[in-house]
Amino acid sequence: MSIRKGVKGQKNIPIFHDEVKERHTIVLTPTAWLKLKNMAQKQGLSISEKIEQWVRDTED
């Protein structure tokens, strides 16, 4: 289930976080990408949001 249900995204207006996301590029193997995609789908998230949550939950 998406945590964004019923919320329409608008350009340059953050929905979940206190800042607007920016576009970045990462390079992964097909195996890693597929695993990440499956993990995100199980939680009803986009891959971008899955990475965002993972990094924010990781301590420095």
N, C-alpha and C. Protein backbone atom coordinates (compact mmCIF):
# COMPACT_ATOMS: atom_id res chain seq x y z
N MET A 1 0.84 -1.18 0.00
CA MET A 1 0.00 0.00 0.00
C MET A 1 0.88 1.24 0.00
N SER A 2 0.58 2.19 -0.82
CA SER A 2 1.35 3.41 -0.92
C SER A 2 1.01 4.35 0.23
N ILE A 3 2.05 4.95 0.79
CA ILE A 3 1.83 5.94 1.85
C ILE A 3 1.46 7.29 1.26
N ARG A 4 1.46 7.36 -0.06
CA ARG A 4 1.15 8.60 -0.76
C ARG A 4 -0.27 8.62 -1.29
N LYS A 5 -1.05 7.61 -1.03
CA LYS A 5 -2.38 7.49 -1.61
C LYS A 5 -3.22 8.73 -1.33
N GLY A 6 -3.79 9.27 -2.39
CA GLY A 6 -4.65 10.44 -2.26
C GLY A 6 -3.91 11.76 -2.26
N VAL A 7 -2.58 11.70 -2.36
CA VAL A 7 -1.79 12.92 -2.36
C VAL A 7 -1.24 13.14 -3.76
N LYS A 8 -1.60 14.23 -4.37
CA LYS A 8 -1.12 14.54 -5.72
C LYS A 8 0.21 15.27 -5.64
N GLY A 9 1.19 14.75 -6.37
CA GLY A 9 2.49 15.40 -6.41
C GLY A 9 2.45 16.69 -7.20
N GLN A 10 3.12 17.68 -6.70
CA GLN A 10 3.23 18.95 -7.40
C GLN A 10 4.70 19.33 -7.49
N LYS A 11 5.09 19.88 -8.62
CA LYS A 11 6.48 20.22 -8.85
C LYS A 11 6.99 21.20 -7.80
N ASN A 12 8.16 20.89 -7.27
CA ASN A 12 8.87 21.73 -6.29
C ASN A 12 8.14 21.90 -4.96
N ILE A 13 7.24 20.98 -4.65
CA ILE A 13 6.56 21.00 -3.36
C ILE A 13 6.77 19.63 -2.72
N PRO A 14 7.55 19.57 -1.62
CA PRO A 14 7.82 18.28 -0.98
C PRO A 14 6.56 17.67 -0.37
N ILE A 15 6.47 16.34 -0.43
CA ILE A 15 5.32 15.64 0.14
C ILE A 15 5.71 14.96 1.45
N PHE A 16 6.77 14.16 1.42
CA PHE A 16 7.14 13.36 2.59
C PHE A 16 8.25 13.97 3.42
N HIS A 17 9.10 14.74 2.81
CA HIS A 17 10.29 15.25 3.49
C HIS A 17 10.26 16.77 3.48
N ASP A 18 11.18 17.37 4.23
CA ASP A 18 11.19 18.82 4.34
C ASP A 18 11.94 19.51 3.20
N GLU A 19 12.27 18.77 2.17
CA GLU A 19 12.96 19.35 1.03
C GLU A 19 12.55 18.63 -0.25
N VAL A 20 12.74 19.29 -1.36
CA VAL A 20 12.37 18.73 -2.66
C VAL A 20 13.49 17.80 -3.12
N LYS A 21 13.12 16.67 -3.69
CA LYS A 21 14.11 15.75 -4.22
C LYS A 21 14.76 16.32 -5.48
N GLU A 22 16.02 15.94 -5.69
CA GLU A 22 16.75 16.31 -6.89
C GLU A 22 17.09 15.04 -7.66
N ARG A 23 17.31 15.18 -8.94
CA ARG A 23 17.64 14.03 -9.79
C ARG A 23 19.12 13.70 -9.64
N HIS A 24 19.42 12.40 -9.40
CA HIS A 24 20.78 11.88 -9.31
C HIS A 24 20.83 10.57 -10.07
N THR A 25 22.02 10.13 -10.41
CA THR A 25 22.18 8.89 -11.15
C THR A 25 23.00 7.91 -10.33
N ILE A 26 22.55 6.66 -10.28
CA ILE A 26 23.34 5.59 -9.68
C ILE A 26 23.48 4.47 -10.71
N VAL A 27 24.52 3.68 -10.57
CA VAL A 27 24.76 2.58 -11.48
C VAL A 27 24.77 1.29 -10.68
N LEU A 28 23.90 0.34 -11.03
CA LEU A 28 23.77 -0.92 -10.32
C LEU A 28 23.79 -2.07 -11.31
N THR A 29 24.12 -3.25 -10.81
CA THR A 29 24.01 -4.45 -11.64
C THR A 29 22.54 -4.75 -11.83
N PRO A 30 22.19 -5.49 -12.88
CA PRO A 30 20.78 -5.86 -13.06
C PRO A 30 20.22 -6.62 -11.86
N THR A 31 21.03 -7.45 -11.24
CA THR A 31 20.58 -8.22 -10.07
C THR A 31 20.22 -7.29 -8.91
N ALA A 32 21.08 -6.33 -8.63
CA ALA A 32 20.82 -5.39 -7.53
C ALA A 32 19.59 -4.54 -7.83
N TRP A 33 19.45 -4.09 -9.09
CA TRP A 33 18.29 -3.26 -9.47
C TRP A 33 16.99 -4.04 -9.29
N LEU A 34 16.98 -5.29 -9.73
CA LEU A 34 15.78 -6.12 -9.61
C LEU A 34 15.42 -6.36 -8.15
N LYS A 35 16.42 -6.62 -7.33
CA LYS A 35 16.16 -6.83 -5.90
C LYS A 35 15.60 -5.55 -5.27
N LEU A 36 16.20 -4.42 -5.60
CA LEU A 36 15.72 -3.14 -5.07
C LEU A 36 14.29 -2.86 -5.53
N LYS A 37 14.02 -3.14 -6.79
CA LYS A 37 12.69 -2.94 -7.35
C LYS A 37 11.66 -3.80 -6.63
N ASN A 38 11.99 -5.07 -6.39
CA ASN A 38 11.09 -5.98 -5.68
C ASN A 38 10.85 -5.54 -4.24
N MET A 39 11.90 -5.09 -3.57
CA MET A 39 11.77 -4.61 -2.18
C MET A 39 10.82 -3.42 -2.12
N ALA A 40 10.99 -2.50 -3.07
CA ALA A 40 10.14 -1.30 -3.10
C ALA A 40 8.69 -1.67 -3.38
N GLN A 41 8.47 -2.57 -4.35
CA GLN A 41 7.11 -2.97 -4.71
C GLN A 41 6.40 -3.63 -3.54
N LYS A 42 7.10 -4.44 -2.76
CA LYS A 42 6.49 -5.11 -1.60
C LYS A 42 5.98 -4.10 -0.58
N GLN A 43 6.64 -2.94 -0.51
CA GLN A 43 6.23 -1.91 0.44
C GLN A 43 5.35 -0.84 -0.20
N GLY A 44 5.05 -1.01 -1.48
CA GLY A 44 4.20 -0.03 -2.17
C GLY A 44 4.90 1.29 -2.38
N LEU A 45 6.23 1.25 -2.56
CA LEU A 45 7.02 2.46 -2.73
C LEU A 45 7.67 2.50 -4.11
N SER A 46 8.11 3.67 -4.50
CA SER A 46 8.96 3.78 -5.68
C SER A 46 10.37 3.39 -5.26
N ILE A 47 11.20 3.09 -6.22
CA ILE A 47 12.59 2.77 -5.91
C ILE A 47 13.26 3.98 -5.27
N SER A 48 12.96 5.15 -5.78
CA SER A 48 13.52 6.38 -5.22
C SER A 48 13.17 6.53 -3.75
N GLU A 49 11.92 6.32 -3.40
CA GLU A 49 11.49 6.47 -2.01
C GLU A 49 12.08 5.37 -1.13
N LYS A 50 12.24 4.16 -1.66
CA LYS A 50 12.87 3.07 -0.91
C LYS A 50 14.30 3.44 -0.55
N ILE A 51 15.05 3.97 -1.51
CA ILE A 51 16.42 4.39 -1.25
C ILE A 51 16.43 5.53 -0.24
N GLU A 52 15.53 6.49 -0.41
CA GLU A 52 15.44 7.63 0.51
C GLU A 52 15.21 7.15 1.94
N GLN A 53 14.26 6.26 2.15
CA GLN A 53 13.99 5.75 3.50
C GLN A 53 15.15 4.97 4.06
N TRP A 54 15.77 4.15 3.23
CA TRP A 54 16.91 3.35 3.67
C TRP A 54 18.05 4.26 4.16
N VAL A 55 18.38 5.28 3.39
CA VAL A 55 19.49 6.17 3.75
C VAL A 55 19.14 7.00 4.99
N ARG A 56 17.92 7.51 5.06
CA ARG A 56 17.52 8.31 6.21
C ARG A 56 17.49 7.47 7.51
N ASP A 57 17.20 6.17 7.39
CA ASP A 57 17.16 5.30 8.56
C ASP A 57 18.53 4.78 8.97
N THR A 58 19.56 5.03 8.15
CA THR A 58 20.90 4.56 8.43
C THR A 58 21.66 5.63 9.21
N GLU A 59 22.27 5.22 10.31
CA GLU A 59 23.03 6.17 11.12
C GLU A 59 24.36 6.48 10.45
N ASP A 60 24.87 7.69 10.68
CA ASP A 60 26.17 8.11 10.12
C ASP A 60 27.31 7.34 10.76
